[in-house]
Amino acid sequence: MVGVAPQTRLYRTFFLDEIGQDYVRTARAKGLTEPRILLTHVMRNAMIPILTNVGLALPGIFYARAGRN
């Protein structure tokens, strides 16, 4: 659980970077609702590096648990 805070800050940064993108401003200018913008544009694009990061961390989690037994 020690590594949760830095990763949470990293994920927050990914979301904030996506919110400032041009396509998000365009979606707002077209009149899309904020939940729709967040789910279809921001979340979809921010999840790419997040899932990559989680995928790289999974073997370490399983390896650490196997070493305890």
Protein backbone atom coordinates (compact mmCIF):
# COMPACT_ATOMS: atom_id res chain seq x y z
CA MET A 1 0.00 0.00 0.00
CA VAL A 2 3.02 2.28 0.17
CA GLY A 3 2.99 2.91 -3.59
CA VAL A 4 -0.64 4.05 -3.76
CA ALA A 5 -0.09 7.80 -3.18
CA PRO A 6 2.49 8.38 -5.94
CA GLN A 7 0.44 6.38 -8.42
CA THR A 8 -2.72 8.28 -7.51
CA ARG A 9 -0.91 11.57 -8.14
CA LEU A 10 0.33 10.22 -11.46
CA TYR A 11 -3.19 9.18 -12.51
CA ARG A 12 -4.53 12.58 -11.49
CA THR A 13 -1.91 14.20 -13.70
CA PHE A 14 -3.00 12.04 -16.65
CA PHE A 15 -6.60 13.20 -16.22
CA LEU A 16 -5.67 16.87 -15.83
CA ASP A 17 -3.51 16.70 -18.95
CA GLU A 18 -6.38 15.28 -20.95
CA ILE A 19 -8.87 17.86 -19.68
CA GLY A 20 -6.72 20.63 -21.19
CA GLN A 21 -6.58 19.10 -24.67
CA ASP A 22 -8.06 20.82 -27.72
CA TYR A 23 -10.59 18.07 -28.43
CA VAL A 24 -12.09 18.52 -24.95
CA ARG A 25 -12.50 22.25 -25.55
CA THR A 26 -14.07 21.47 -28.92
CA ALA A 27 -16.52 19.06 -27.30
CA ARG A 28 -17.48 21.72 -24.76
CA ALA A 29 -17.95 24.26 -27.56
CA LYS A 30 -20.25 21.83 -29.36
CA GLY A 31 -22.44 21.71 -26.27
CA LEU A 32 -21.76 18.21 -24.93
CA THR A 33 -22.54 17.70 -21.26
CA GLU A 34 -19.65 17.54 -18.83
CA PRO A 35 -20.26 13.89 -17.79
CA ARG A 36 -20.31 12.87 -21.45
CA ILE A 37 -17.07 14.74 -22.12
CA LEU A 38 -15.38 13.17 -19.11
CA LEU A 39 -16.49 9.63 -19.93
CA THR A 40 -16.11 9.55 -23.70
CA HIS A 41 -13.14 11.83 -24.26
CA VAL A 42 -11.11 12.30 -21.10
CA MET A 43 -11.48 8.91 -19.45
CA ARG A 44 -10.93 6.97 -22.64
CA ASN A 45 -7.67 8.72 -23.43
CA ALA A 46 -6.38 8.94 -19.85
CA MET A 47 -6.88 5.22 -19.29
CA ILE A 48 -4.21 4.25 -21.85
CA PRO A 49 -1.18 5.15 -19.68
CA ILE A 50 -3.00 4.13 -16.50
CA LEU A 51 -3.70 0.61 -17.78
CA THR A 52 -0.14 0.34 -19.03
CA ASN A 53 1.15 1.31 -15.60
CA VAL A 54 -1.16 -1.15 -13.82
CA GLY A 55 -0.23 -3.90 -16.27
CA LEU A 56 3.45 -3.39 -15.57
CA ALA A 57 2.85 -3.48 -11.80
CA LEU A 58 0.80 -6.71 -11.74
CA PRO A 59 3.70 -9.17 -12.03
CA GLY A 60 5.40 -7.50 -9.06
CA ILE A 61 2.25 -7.90 -6.98
CA PHE A 62 1.93 -11.60 -7.80
CA TYR A 63 5.65 -12.21 -7.33
CA ALA A 64 5.64 -10.50 -3.92
CA ARG A 65 2.73 -12.65 -2.77
CA ALA A 66 4.32 -15.86 -4.02
CA GLY A 67 7.49 -15.07 -2.10
CA ARG A 68 5.61 -14.89 1.20
CA ASN A 69 4.30 -18.45 1.07
